[in-house]
């Protein structure tokens, strides 16, 4: 599935290698396809003030759209 670039999305699962958790907010900045054919994105990890904390590569199945009934929360990256 291809999402528009610069869309803000939530992670659908924990990514412990990046110290990220399900529900963390990311912004899609580049779409790519791995040599094995799997789709993915480079995504900016967004801080509470909208700043970029990191840019990570994530598979498309680790992303979910934001919903109208969701509430944002904050946590420190350990």
C-alpha atoms as a PDB file:
ATOM      1  CA  UNK A   1       0.000   0.000   0.000  1.00  0.00           C
ATOM      2  CA  UNK A   2       1.357   3.422  -0.905  1.00  0.00           C
ATOM      3  CA  UNK A   3       0.681   6.348   1.430  1.00  0.00           C
ATOM      4  CA  UNK A   4       1.192  10.002   0.420  1.00  0.00           C
ATOM      5  CA  UNK A   5       4.538  11.455   1.470  1.00  0.00           C
ATOM      6  CA  UNK A   6       4.547  13.841   4.451  1.00  0.00           C
ATOM      7  CA  UNK A   7       1.550  12.048   5.958  1.00  0.00           C
ATOM      8  CA  UNK A   8       1.677  11.686   9.736  1.00  0.00           C
ATOM      9  CA  UNK A   9       1.016   8.143  10.887  1.00  0.00           C
ATOM     10  CA  UNK A  10       1.348   5.978  13.986  1.00  0.00           C
ATOM     11  CA  UNK A  11       3.502   2.911  14.384  1.00  0.00           C
ATOM     12  CA  UNK A  12       1.387  -0.230  14.518  1.00  0.00           C
ATOM     13  CA  UNK A  13       3.975  -2.186  16.520  1.00  0.00           C
ATOM     14  CA  UNK A  14       7.021  -1.738  18.709  1.00  0.00           C
ATOM     15  CA  UNK A  15      10.371  -1.287  16.940  1.00  0.00           C
ATOM     16  CA  UNK A  16      12.811  -2.066  19.775  1.00  0.00           C
ATOM     17  CA  UNK A  17      15.888  -1.649  17.565  1.00  0.00           C
ATOM     18  CA  UNK A  18      14.970   2.041  17.313  1.00  0.00           C
ATOM     19  CA  UNK A  19      13.534   2.325  20.883  1.00  0.00           C
ATOM     20  CA  UNK A  20      10.126   3.102  19.349  1.00  0.00           C
ATOM     21  CA  UNK A  21       6.739   1.876  20.541  1.00  0.00           C
ATOM     22  CA  UNK A  22       3.372   1.171  19.023  1.00  0.00           C
ATOM     23  CA  UNK A  23       1.496   4.464  18.706  1.00  0.00           C
ATOM     24  CA  UNK A  24       4.577   6.679  18.291  1.00  0.00           C
ATOM     25  CA  UNK A  25       3.999   9.429  15.729  1.00  0.00           C
ATOM     26  CA  UNK A  26       6.002   9.469  12.482  1.00  0.00           C
ATOM     27  CA  UNK A  27       5.928  11.484   9.239  1.00  0.00           C
ATOM     28  CA  UNK A  28       6.586   9.651   5.962  1.00  0.00           C
ATOM     29  CA  UNK A  29       9.363  11.278   3.945  1.00  0.00           C
ATOM     30  CA  UNK A  30      10.385   8.680   1.344  1.00  0.00           C
ATOM     31  CA  UNK A  31       8.831   5.551  -0.167  1.00  0.00           C
ATOM     32  CA  UNK A  32      11.112   2.673  -1.158  1.00  0.00           C
ATOM     33  CA  UNK A  33      10.966  -0.946  -2.202  1.00  0.00           C
ATOM     34  CA  UNK A  34      13.505  -3.402  -0.797  1.00  0.00           C
ATOM     35  CA  UNK A  35      15.338  -5.815  -3.123  1.00  0.00           C
ATOM     36  CA  UNK A  36      13.025  -8.585  -1.880  1.00  0.00           C
ATOM     37  CA  UNK A  37      10.006  -6.579  -3.088  1.00  0.00           C
ATOM     38  CA  UNK A  38       8.707  -5.430   0.302  1.00  0.00           C
ATOM     39  CA  UNK A  39       7.526  -1.829   0.526  1.00  0.00           C
ATOM     40  CA  UNK A  40       8.726   0.544   3.195  1.00  0.00           C
ATOM     41  CA  UNK A  41       9.238   4.156   4.120  1.00  0.00           C
ATOM     42  CA  UNK A  42      11.814   6.439   5.587  1.00  0.00           C
ATOM     43  CA  UNK A  43       9.953   8.129   8.407  1.00  0.00           C
ATOM     44  CA  UNK A  44      10.767  11.040  10.683  1.00  0.00           C
ATOM     45  CA  UNK A  45      10.129  10.266  14.335  1.00  0.00           C
ATOM     46  CA  UNK A  46       8.331  13.326  15.685  1.00  0.00           C
ATOM     47  CA  UNK A  47       8.900  14.863  19.100  1.00  0.00           C
ATOM     48  CA  UNK A  48       6.211  16.438  21.267  1.00  0.00           C
ATOM     49  CA  UNK A  49       6.942  19.876  19.777  1.00  0.00           C
ATOM     50  CA  UNK A  50       6.883  18.616  16.178  1.00  0.00           C
ATOM     51  CA  UNK A  51      10.656  18.410  15.867  1.00  0.00           C
ATOM     52  CA  UNK A  52      12.441  15.541  14.109  1.00  0.00           C
ATOM     53  CA  UNK A  53      14.102  13.217  16.628  1.00  0.00           C
ATOM     54  CA  UNK A  54      15.329  10.618  14.127  1.00  0.00           C
ATOM     55  CA  UNK A  55      14.759   9.245  10.652  1.00  0.00           C
ATOM     56  CA  UNK A  56      14.183   5.486  10.489  1.00  0.00           C
ATOM     57  CA  UNK A  57      13.312   2.912   7.834  1.00  0.00           C
ATOM     58  CA  UNK A  58      10.061   1.064   8.531  1.00  0.00           C
ATOM     59  CA  UNK A  59       8.113  -1.582   6.608  1.00  0.00           C
ATOM     60  CA  UNK A  60       4.669  -0.556   5.392  1.00  0.00           C
ATOM     61  CA  UNK A  61       2.994  -3.077   7.719  1.00  0.00           C
ATOM     62  CA  UNK A  62       4.437  -1.227  10.736  1.00  0.00           C
ATOM     63  CA  UNK A  63       2.333   1.857   9.940  1.00  0.00           C
ATOM     64  CA  UNK A  64      -1.284   2.743  10.629  1.00  0.00           C
ATOM     65  CA  UNK A  65      -3.360   5.783   9.819  1.00  0.00           C
ATOM     66  CA  UNK A  66      -4.334   8.212  12.545  1.00  0.00           C
ATOM     67  CA  UNK A  67      -7.999   8.117  13.568  1.00  0.00           C
ATOM     68  CA  UNK A  68     -10.330  10.917  14.620  1.00  0.00           C
ATOM     69  CA  UNK A  69     -11.033   9.312  18.018  1.00  0.00           C
ATOM     70  CA  UNK A  70      -7.377   8.977  19.089  1.00  0.00           C
ATOM     71  CA  UNK A  71      -5.545  11.070  21.678  1.00  0.00           C
ATOM     72  CA  UNK A  72      -1.842  11.865  21.468  1.00  0.00           C
ATOM     73  CA  UNK A  73       0.350  11.260  24.503  1.00  0.00           C
ATOM     74  CA  UNK A  74       4.012  11.881  25.254  1.00  0.00           C
ATOM     75  CA  UNK A  75       6.880   9.768  26.580  1.00  0.00           C
ATOM     76  CA  UNK A  76      10.641  10.112  26.762  1.00  0.00           C
ATOM     77  CA  UNK A  77      12.778   7.970  24.485  1.00  0.00           C
ATOM     78  CA  UNK A  78      14.952   6.003  26.872  1.00  0.00           C
END
